[in-house]
Amino acid sequence: MKSDELRSWLAEHKLRAVGTLWASALLGSLAYNFSKPNMKTSVKLIHARLHAQALTLAALAGSALVEFYDHKSGAKAKWYEKHI
């Protein structure tokens, strides 16, 4: 997949991309935390949630920057004209 196609897909499906990133971050963090035997289960779950939450906030900020760039460049207005 070319970078332009990937960027276009991400611009069109921002929430789906953020949700997928959240789920994969949560699962990855859970897998990492459960490989440590010296932590309580509740601490492992809290750490996994915090890691996933931080990554989700970063993804949402990136999504907002893409949206801002699209509006500033006029690409979003052309997209709306095409779909209306």
PDB file of N, CA and C in Angstrom:
ATOM      1  N   MET A   1       0.844  -1.171   0.000  1.00  0.00           N
ATOM      2  CA  MET A   1       0.000   0.000   0.000  1.00  0.00           C
ATOM      3  C   MET A   1       0.893   1.239   0.000  1.00  0.00           C
ATOM      4  N   LYS A   2       0.609   2.158  -0.869  1.00  0.00           N
ATOM      5  CA  LYS A   2       1.408   3.378  -0.951  1.00  0.00           C
ATOM      6  C   LYS A   2       1.084   4.312   0.200  1.00  0.00           C
ATOM      7  N   SER A   3       2.016   5.215   0.499  1.00  0.00           N
ATOM      8  CA  SER A   3       1.817   6.120   1.634  1.00  0.00           C
ATOM      9  C   SER A   3       0.626   7.057   1.404  1.00  0.00           C
ATOM     10  N   ASP A   4       0.391   7.472   0.164  1.00  0.00           N
ATOM     11  CA  ASP A   4      -0.769   8.333  -0.112  1.00  0.00           C
ATOM     12  C   ASP A   4      -2.085   7.592   0.124  1.00  0.00           C
ATOM     13  N   GLU A   5      -2.114   6.324  -0.273  1.00  0.00           N
ATOM     14  CA  GLU A   5      -3.320   5.525  -0.045  1.00  0.00           C
ATOM     15  C   GLU A   5      -3.545   5.303   1.444  1.00  0.00           C
ATOM     16  N   LEU A   6      -2.456   5.034   2.178  1.00  0.00           N
ATOM     17  CA  LEU A   6      -2.561   4.835   3.619  1.00  0.00           C
ATOM     18  C   LEU A   6      -3.029   6.108   4.306  1.00  0.00           C
ATOM     19  N   ARG A   7      -2.472   7.242   3.918  1.00  0.00           N
ATOM     20  CA  ARG A   7      -2.867   8.524   4.511  1.00  0.00           C
ATOM     21  C   ARG A   7      -4.339   8.820   4.203  1.00  0.00           C
ATOM     22  N   SER A   8      -4.765   8.521   2.994  1.00  0.00           N
ATOM     23  CA  SER A   8      -6.157   8.743   2.613  1.00  0.00           C
ATOM     24  C   SER A   8      -7.090   7.865   3.440  1.00  0.00           C
ATOM     25  N   TRP A   9      -6.714   6.590   3.608  1.00  0.00           N
ATOM     26  CA  TRP A   9      -7.541   5.686   4.400  1.00  0.00           C
ATOM     27  C   TRP A   9      -7.604   6.147   5.841  1.00  0.00           C
ATOM     28  N   LEU A  10      -6.462   6.544   6.411  1.00  0.00           N
ATOM     29  CA  LEU A  10      -6.438   7.014   7.794  1.00  0.00           C
ATOM     30  C   LEU A  10      -7.255   8.293   7.973  1.00  0.00           C
ATOM     31  N   ALA A  11      -7.198   9.184   6.990  1.00  0.00           N
ATOM     32  CA  ALA A  11      -7.977  10.423   7.077  1.00  0.00           C
ATOM     33  C   ALA A  11      -9.470  10.133   7.021  1.00  0.00           C
ATOM     34  N   GLU A  12      -9.845   9.089   6.301  1.00  0.00           N
ATOM     35  CA  GLU A  12     -11.255   8.743   6.171  1.00  0.00           C
ATOM     36  C   GLU A  12     -11.778   7.931   7.357  1.00  0.00           C
ATOM     37  N   HIS A  13     -10.909   7.148   7.981  1.00  0.00           N
ATOM     38  CA  HIS A  13     -11.312   6.233   9.058  1.00  0.00           C
ATOM     39  C   HIS A  13     -10.504   6.497  10.329  1.00  0.00           C
ATOM     40  N   LYS A  14     -10.544   7.717  10.810  1.00  0.00           N
ATOM     41  CA  LYS A  14      -9.727   8.098  11.973  1.00  0.00           C
ATOM     42  C   LYS A  14     -10.114   7.326  13.230  1.00  0.00           C
ATOM     43  N   LEU A  15     -11.391   7.255  13.517  1.00  0.00           N
ATOM     44  CA  LEU A  15     -11.815   6.598  14.755  1.00  0.00           C
ATOM     45  C   LEU A  15     -11.561   5.093  14.722  1.00  0.00           C
ATOM     46  N   ARG A  16     -11.712   4.485  13.583  1.00  0.00           N
ATOM     47  CA  ARG A  16     -11.422   3.056  13.451  1.00  0.00           C
ATOM     48  C   ARG A  16      -9.936   2.802  13.694  1.00  0.00           C
ATOM     49  N   ALA A  17      -9.082   3.682  13.171  1.00  0.00           N
ATOM     50  CA  ALA A  17      -7.645   3.533  13.372  1.00  0.00           C
ATOM     51  C   ALA A  17      -7.264   3.736  14.831  1.00  0.00           C
ATOM     52  N   VAL A  18      -7.867   4.727  15.477  1.00  0.00           N
ATOM     53  CA  VAL A  18      -7.582   4.987  16.890  1.00  0.00           C
ATOM     54  C   VAL A  18      -8.074   3.821  17.747  1.00  0.00           C
ATOM     55  N   GLY A  19      -9.243   3.295  17.465  1.00  0.00           N
ATOM     56  CA  GLY A  19      -9.769   2.160  18.222  1.00  0.00           C
ATOM     57  C   GLY A  19      -8.917   0.915  18.072  1.00  0.00           C
ATOM     58  N   THR A  20      -8.452   0.664  16.864  1.00  0.00           N
ATOM     59  CA  THR A  20      -7.568  -0.473  16.628  1.00  0.00           C
ATOM     60  C   THR A  20      -6.249  -0.298  17.359  1.00  0.00           C
ATOM     61  N   LEU A  21      -5.726   0.916  17.335  1.00  0.00           N
ATOM     62  CA  LEU A  21      -4.488   1.206  18.048  1.00  0.00           C
ATOM     63  C   LEU A  21      -4.671   1.007  19.549  1.00  0.00           C
ATOM     64  N   TRP A  22      -5.806   1.443  20.089  1.00  0.00           N
ATOM     65  CA  TRP A  22      -6.083   1.271  21.510  1.00  0.00           C
ATOM     66  C   TRP A  22      -6.134  -0.211  21.877  1.00  0.00           C
ATOM     67  N   ALA A  23      -6.863  -0.995  21.097  1.00  0.00           N
ATOM     68  CA  ALA A  23      -7.010  -2.420  21.403  1.00  0.00           C
ATOM     69  C   ALA A  23      -5.669  -3.140  21.322  1.00  0.00           C
ATOM     70  N   SER A  24      -4.888  -2.837  20.301  1.00  0.00           N
ATOM     71  CA  SER A  24      -3.588  -3.505  20.182  1.00  0.00           C
ATOM     72  C   SER A  24      -2.629  -3.053  21.280  1.00  0.00           C
ATOM     73  N   ALA A  25      -2.699  -1.790  21.686  1.00  0.00           N
ATOM     74  CA  ALA A  25      -1.850  -1.316  22.782  1.00  0.00           C
ATOM     75  C   ALA A  25      -2.246  -1.980  24.091  1.00  0.00           C
ATOM     76  N   LEU A  26      -3.535  -2.128  24.320  1.00  0.00           N
ATOM     77  CA  LEU A  26      -4.005  -2.772  25.545  1.00  0.00           C
ATOM     78  C   LEU A  26      -3.564  -4.230  25.584  1.00  0.00           C
ATOM     79  N   LEU A  27      -3.753  -4.950  24.497  1.00  0.00           N
ATOM     80  CA  LEU A  27      -3.354  -6.358  24.460  1.00  0.00           C
ATOM     81  C   LEU A  27      -1.839  -6.514  24.584  1.00  0.00           C
ATOM     82  N   GLY A  28      -1.089  -5.664  23.899  1.00  0.00           N
ATOM     83  CA  GLY A  28       0.366  -5.730  23.991  1.00  0.00           C
ATOM     84  C   GLY A  28       0.865  -5.418  25.389  1.00  0.00           C
ATOM     85  N   SER A  29       0.283  -4.423  26.016  1.00  0.00           N
ATOM     86  CA  SER A  29       0.684  -4.066  27.370  1.00  0.00           C
ATOM     87  C   SER A  29       0.285  -5.147  28.369  1.00  0.00           C
ATOM     88  N   LEU A  30      -0.884  -5.739  28.186  1.00  0.00           N
ATOM     89  CA  LEU A  30      -1.280  -6.850  29.052  1.00  0.00           C
ATOM     90  C   LEU A  30      -0.312  -8.016  28.907  1.00  0.00           C
ATOM     91  N   ALA A  31       0.047  -8.352  27.678  1.00  0.00           N
ATOM     92  CA  ALA A  31       0.981  -9.452  27.455  1.00  0.00           C
ATOM     93  C   ALA A  31       2.329  -9.161  28.114  1.00  0.00           C
ATOM     94  N   TYR A  32       2.800  -7.939  27.980  1.00  0.00           N
ATOM     95  CA  TYR A  32       4.074  -7.569  28.594  1.00  0.00           C
ATOM     96  C   TYR A  32       3.986  -7.607  30.115  1.00  0.00           C
ATOM     97  N   ASN A  33       2.923  -7.039  30.675  1.00  0.00           N
ATOM     98  CA  ASN A  33       2.789  -6.990  32.128  1.00  0.00           C
ATOM     99  C   ASN A  33       2.595  -8.380  32.740  1.00  0.00           C
ATOM    100  N   PHE A  34       1.891  -9.270  32.054  1.00  0.00           N
ATOM    101  CA  PHE A  34       1.684 -10.602  32.608  1.00  0.00           C
ATOM    102  C   PHE A  34       2.924 -11.480  32.472  1.00  0.00           C
ATOM    103  N   SER A  35       3.935 -11.020  31.753  1.00  0.00           N
ATOM    104  CA  SER A  35       5.194 -11.761  31.716  1.00  0.00           C
ATOM    105  C   SER A  35       6.058 -11.451  32.934  1.00  0.00           C
ATOM    106  N   LYS A  36       5.665 -10.460  33.723  1.00  0.00           N
ATOM    107  CA  LYS A  36       6.375 -10.102  34.953  1.00  0.00           C
ATOM    108  C   LYS A  36       5.690 -10.789  36.136  1.00  0.00           C
ATOM    109  N   PRO A  37       6.331 -11.736  36.781  1.00  0.00           N
ATOM    110  CA  PRO A  37       5.652 -12.485  37.836  1.00  0.00           C
ATOM    111  C   PRO A  37       5.579 -11.757  39.182  1.00  0.00           C
ATOM    112  N   ASN A  38       6.327 -10.703  39.384  1.00  0.00           N
ATOM    113  CA  ASN A  38       6.400 -10.074  40.700  1.00  0.00           C
ATOM    114  C   ASN A  38       5.390  -8.953  40.920  1.00  0.00           C
ATOM    115  N   MET A  39       4.432  -8.780  40.025  1.00  0.00           N
ATOM    116  CA  MET A  39       3.445  -7.711  40.155  1.00  0.00           C
ATOM    117  C   MET A  39       2.073  -8.309  40.474  1.00  0.00           C
ATOM    118  N   LYS A  40       1.276  -7.565  41.237  1.00  0.00           N
ATOM    119  CA  LYS A  40      -0.105  -7.984  41.485  1.00  0.00           C
ATOM    120  C   LYS A  40      -0.900  -7.858  40.191  1.00  0.00           C
ATOM    121  N   THR A  41      -1.945  -8.643  40.076  1.00  0.00           N
ATOM    122  CA  THR A  41      -2.793  -8.611  38.885  1.00  0.00           C
ATOM    123  C   THR A  41      -3.456  -7.246  38.718  1.00  0.00           C
ATOM    124  N   SER A  42      -3.892  -6.649  39.812  1.00  0.00           N
ATOM    125  CA  SER A  42      -4.541  -5.340  39.717  1.00  0.00           C
ATOM    126  C   SER A  42      -3.566  -4.282  39.194  1.00  0.00           C
ATOM    127  N   VAL A  43      -2.319  -4.350  39.595  1.00  0.00           N
ATOM    128  CA  VAL A  43      -1.312  -3.397  39.117  1.00  0.00           C
ATOM    129  C   VAL A  43      -1.030  -3.624  37.637  1.00  0.00           C
ATOM    130  N   LYS A  44      -0.998  -4.871  37.223  1.00  0.00           N
ATOM    131  CA  LYS A  44      -0.787  -5.192  35.806  1.00  0.00           C
ATOM    132  C   LYS A  44      -1.909  -4.604  34.947  1.00  0.00           C
ATOM    133  N   LEU A  45      -3.148  -4.750  35.413  1.00  0.00           N
ATOM    134  CA  LEU A  45      -4.291  -4.219  34.665  1.00  0.00           C
ATOM    135  C   LEU A  45      -4.269  -2.694  34.618  1.00  0.00           C
ATOM    136  N   ILE A  46      -3.926  -2.069  35.724  1.00  0.00           N
ATOM    137  CA  ILE A  46      -3.863  -0.604  35.757  1.00  0.00           C
ATOM    138  C   ILE A  46      -2.781  -0.091  34.830  1.00  0.00           C
ATOM    139  N   HIS A  47      -1.613  -0.722  34.838  1.00  0.00           N
ATOM    140  CA  HIS A  47      -0.527  -0.298  33.949  1.00  0.00           C
ATOM    141  C   HIS A  47      -0.914  -0.472  32.482  1.00  0.00           C
ATOM    142  N   ALA A  48      -1.571  -1.586  32.163  1.00  0.00           N
ATOM    143  CA  ALA A  48      -2.003  -1.813  30.779  1.00  0.00           C
ATOM    144  C   ALA A  48      -2.992  -0.743  30.338  1.00  0.00           C
ATOM    145  N   ARG A  49      -3.933  -0.399  31.211  1.00  0.00           N
ATOM    146  CA  ARG A  49      -4.908   0.636  30.865  1.00  0.00           C
ATOM    147  C   ARG A  49      -4.236   1.987  30.668  1.00  0.00           C
ATOM    148  N   LEU A  50      -3.293   2.316  31.539  1.00  0.00           N
ATOM    149  CA  LEU A  50      -2.600   3.600  31.418  1.00  0.00           C
ATOM    150  C   LEU A  50      -1.769   3.681  30.137  1.00  0.00           C
ATOM    151  N   HIS A  51      -1.095   2.591  29.792  1.00  0.00           N
ATOM    152  CA  HIS A  51      -0.311   2.590  28.550  1.00  0.00           C
ATOM    153  C   HIS A  51      -1.214   2.770  27.333  1.00  0.00           C
ATOM    154  N   ALA A  52      -2.314   2.034  27.321  1.00  0.00           N
ATOM    155  CA  ALA A  52      -3.243   2.135  26.192  1.00  0.00           C
ATOM    156  C   ALA A  52      -3.885   3.518  26.129  1.00  0.00           C
ATOM    157  N   GLN A  53      -4.191   4.084  27.280  1.00  0.00           N
ATOM    158  CA  GLN A  53      -4.800   5.408  27.309  1.00  0.00           C
ATOM    159  C   GLN A  53      -3.836   6.474  26.801  1.00  0.00           C
ATOM    160  N   ALA A  54      -2.577   6.390  27.195  1.00  0.00           N
ATOM    161  CA  ALA A  54      -1.578   7.363  26.734  1.00  0.00           C
ATOM    162  C   ALA A  54      -1.386   7.263  25.228  1.00  0.00           C
ATOM    163  N   LEU A  55      -1.317   6.042  24.713  1.00  0.00           N
ATOM    164  CA  LEU A  55      -1.153   5.867  23.266  1.00  0.00           C
ATOM    165  C   LEU A  55      -2.385   6.352  22.512  1.00  0.00           C
ATOM    166  N   THR A  56      -3.569   6.150  23.074  1.00  0.00           N
ATOM    167  CA  THR A  56      -4.795   6.624  22.441  1.00  0.00           C
ATOM    168  C   THR A  56      -4.849   8.143  22.402  1.00  0.00           C
ATOM    169  N   LEU A  57      -4.439   8.791  23.478  1.00  0.00           N
ATOM    170  CA  LEU A  57      -4.407  10.255  23.475  1.00  0.00           C
ATOM    171  C   LEU A  57      -3.431  10.786  22.433  1.00  0.00           C
ATOM    172  N   ALA A  58      -2.291  10.126  22.287  1.00  0.00           N
ATOM    173  CA  ALA A  58      -1.329  10.536  21.256  1.00  0.00           C
ATOM    174  C   ALA A  58      -1.918  10.335  19.858  1.00  0.00           C
ATOM    175  N   ALA A  59      -2.634   9.227  19.656  1.00  0.00           N
ATOM    176  CA  ALA A  59      -3.261   8.971  18.358  1.00  0.00           C
ATOM    177  C   ALA A  59      -4.362   9.983  18.062  1.00  0.00           C
ATOM    178  N   LEU A  60      -5.138  10.350  19.073  1.00  0.00           N
ATOM    179  CA  LEU A  60      -6.181  11.362  18.873  1.00  0.00           C
ATOM    180  C   LEU A  60      -5.571  12.726  18.557  1.00  0.00           C
ATOM    181  N   ALA A  61      -4.462  13.053  19.207  1.00  0.00           N
ATOM    182  CA  ALA A  61      -3.779  14.316  18.892  1.00  0.00           C
ATOM    183  C   ALA A  61      -3.257  14.293  17.457  1.00  0.00           C
ATOM    184  N   GLY A  62      -2.707  13.183  17.038  1.00  0.00           N
ATOM    185  CA  GLY A  62      -2.249  13.057  15.654  1.00  0.00           C
ATOM    186  C   GLY A  62      -3.397  13.158  14.668  1.00  0.00           C
ATOM    187  N   SER A  63      -4.523  12.557  15.019  1.00  0.00           N
ATOM    188  CA  SER A  63      -5.717  12.637  14.179  1.00  0.00           C
ATOM    189  C   SER A  63      -6.211  14.073  14.065  1.00  0.00           C
ATOM    190  N   ALA A  64      -6.157  14.808  15.169  1.00  0.00           N
ATOM    191  CA  ALA A  64      -6.567  16.213  15.142  1.00  0.00           C
ATOM    192  C   ALA A  64      -5.636  17.031  14.262  1.00  0.00           C
ATOM    193  N   LEU A  65      -4.343  16.724  14.295  1.00  0.00           N
ATOM    194  CA  LEU A  65      -3.392  17.438  13.431  1.00  0.00           C
ATOM    195  C   LEU A  65      -3.662  17.159  11.956  1.00  0.00           C
ATOM    196  N   VAL A  66      -3.989  15.916  11.628  1.00  0.00           N
ATOM    197  CA  VAL A  66      -4.318  15.575  10.239  1.00  0.00           C
ATOM    198  C   VAL A  66      -5.571  16.321   9.798  1.00  0.00           C
ATOM    199  N   GLU A  67      -6.566  16.364  10.669  1.00  0.00           N
ATOM    200  CA  GLU A  67      -7.812  17.080  10.354  1.00  0.00           C
ATOM    201  C   GLU A  67      -7.544  18.569  10.150  1.00  0.00           C
ATOM    202  N   PHE A  68      -6.731  19.149  11.024  1.00  0.00           N
ATOM    203  CA  PHE A  68      -6.379  20.563  10.907  1.00  0.00           C
ATOM    204  C   PHE A  68      -5.648  20.827   9.590  1.00  0.00           C
ATOM    205  N   TYR A  69      -4.700  19.960   9.240  1.00  0.00           N
ATOM    206  CA  TYR A  69      -3.953  20.118   7.992  1.00  0.00           C
ATOM    207  C   TYR A  69      -4.884  20.005   6.785  1.00  0.00           C
ATOM    208  N   ASP A  70      -5.816  19.046   6.829  1.00  0.00           N
ATOM    209  CA  ASP A  70      -6.748  18.876   5.713  1.00  0.00           C
ATOM    210  C   ASP A  70      -7.640  20.100   5.537  1.00  0.00           C
ATOM    211  N   HIS A  71      -8.104  20.680   6.629  1.00  0.00           N
ATOM    212  CA  HIS A  71      -8.950  21.871   6.525  1.00  0.00           C
ATOM    213  C   HIS A  71      -8.138  23.072   6.046  1.00  0.00           C
ATOM    214  N   LYS A  72      -6.916  23.179   6.524  1.00  0.00           N
ATOM    215  CA  LYS A  72      -6.075  24.307   6.144  1.00  0.00           C
ATOM    216  C   LYS A  72      -5.670  24.243   4.663  1.00  0.00           C
ATOM    217  N   SER A  73      -5.423  23.028   4.170  1.00  0.00           N
ATOM    218  CA  SER A  73      -4.996  22.883   2.777  1.00  0.00           C
ATOM    219  C   SER A  73      -6.168  22.897   1.804  1.00  0.00           C
ATOM    220  N   GLY A  74      -7.382  22.759   2.303  1.00  0.00           N
ATOM    221  CA  GLY A  74      -8.551  22.758   1.423  1.00  0.00           C
ATOM    222  C   GLY A  74      -8.914  21.381   0.912  1.00  0.00           C
ATOM    223  N   ALA A  75      -8.150  20.361   1.286  1.00  0.00           N
ATOM    224  CA  ALA A  75      -8.429  19.006   0.815  1.00  0.00           C
ATOM    225  C   ALA A  75      -9.760  18.498   1.348  1.00  0.00           C
ATOM    226  N   LYS A  76     -10.115  18.881   2.563  1.00  0.00           N
ATOM    227  CA  LYS A  76     -11.362  18.416   3.157  1.00  0.00           C
ATOM    228  C   LYS A  76     -12.566  19.017   2.442  1.00  0.00           C
ATOM    229  N   ALA A  77     -12.474  20.273   2.034  1.00  0.00           N
ATOM    230  CA  ALA A  77     -13.583  20.906   1.312  1.00  0.00           C
ATOM    231  C   ALA A  77     -13.811  20.195  -0.017  1.00  0.00           C
ATOM    232  N   LYS A  78     -12.760  19.817  -0.706  1.00  0.00           N
ATOM    233  CA  LYS A  78     -12.900  19.080  -1.968  1.00  0.00           C
ATOM    234  C   LYS A  78     -13.531  17.716  -1.720  1.00  0.00           C
ATOM    235  N   TRP A  79     -13.176  17.075  -0.604  1.00  0.00           N
ATOM    236  CA  TRP A  79     -13.734  15.768  -0.280  1.00  0.00           C
ATOM    237  C   TRP A  79     -15.229  15.883  -0.016  1.00  0.00           C
ATOM    238  N   TYR A  80     -15.643  16.938   0.714  1.00  0.00           N
ATOM    239  CA  TYR A  80     -17.060  17.130   0.995  1.00  0.00           C
ATOM    240  C   TYR A  80     -17.833  17.404  -0.302  1.00  0.00           C
ATOM    241  N   GLU A  81     -17.266  18.190  -1.206  1.00  0.00           N
ATOM    242  CA  GLU A  81     -17.935  18.480  -2.486  1.00  0.00           C
ATOM    243  C   GLU A  81     -18.153  17.201  -3.271  1.00  0.00           C
ATOM    244  N   LYS A  82     -17.180  16.311  -3.236  1.00  0.00           N
ATOM    245  CA  LYS A  82     -17.265  15.073  -3.999  1.00  0.00           C
ATOM    246  C   LYS A  82     -18.354  14.152  -3.435  1.00  0.00           C
ATOM    247  N   HIS A  83     -18.567  14.160  -2.126  1.00  0.00           N
ATOM    248  CA  HIS A  83     -19.492  13.235  -1.493  1.00  0.00           C
ATOM    249  C   HIS A  83     -20.873  13.814  -1.229  1.00  0.00           C
ATOM    250  N   ILE A  84     -21.090  15.056  -1.562  1.00  0.00           N
ATOM    251  CA  ILE A  84     -22.415  15.660  -1.331  1.00  0.00           C
ATOM    252  C   ILE A  84     -23.183  15.762  -2.625  1.00  0.00           C
TER     253      ILE A  84
END
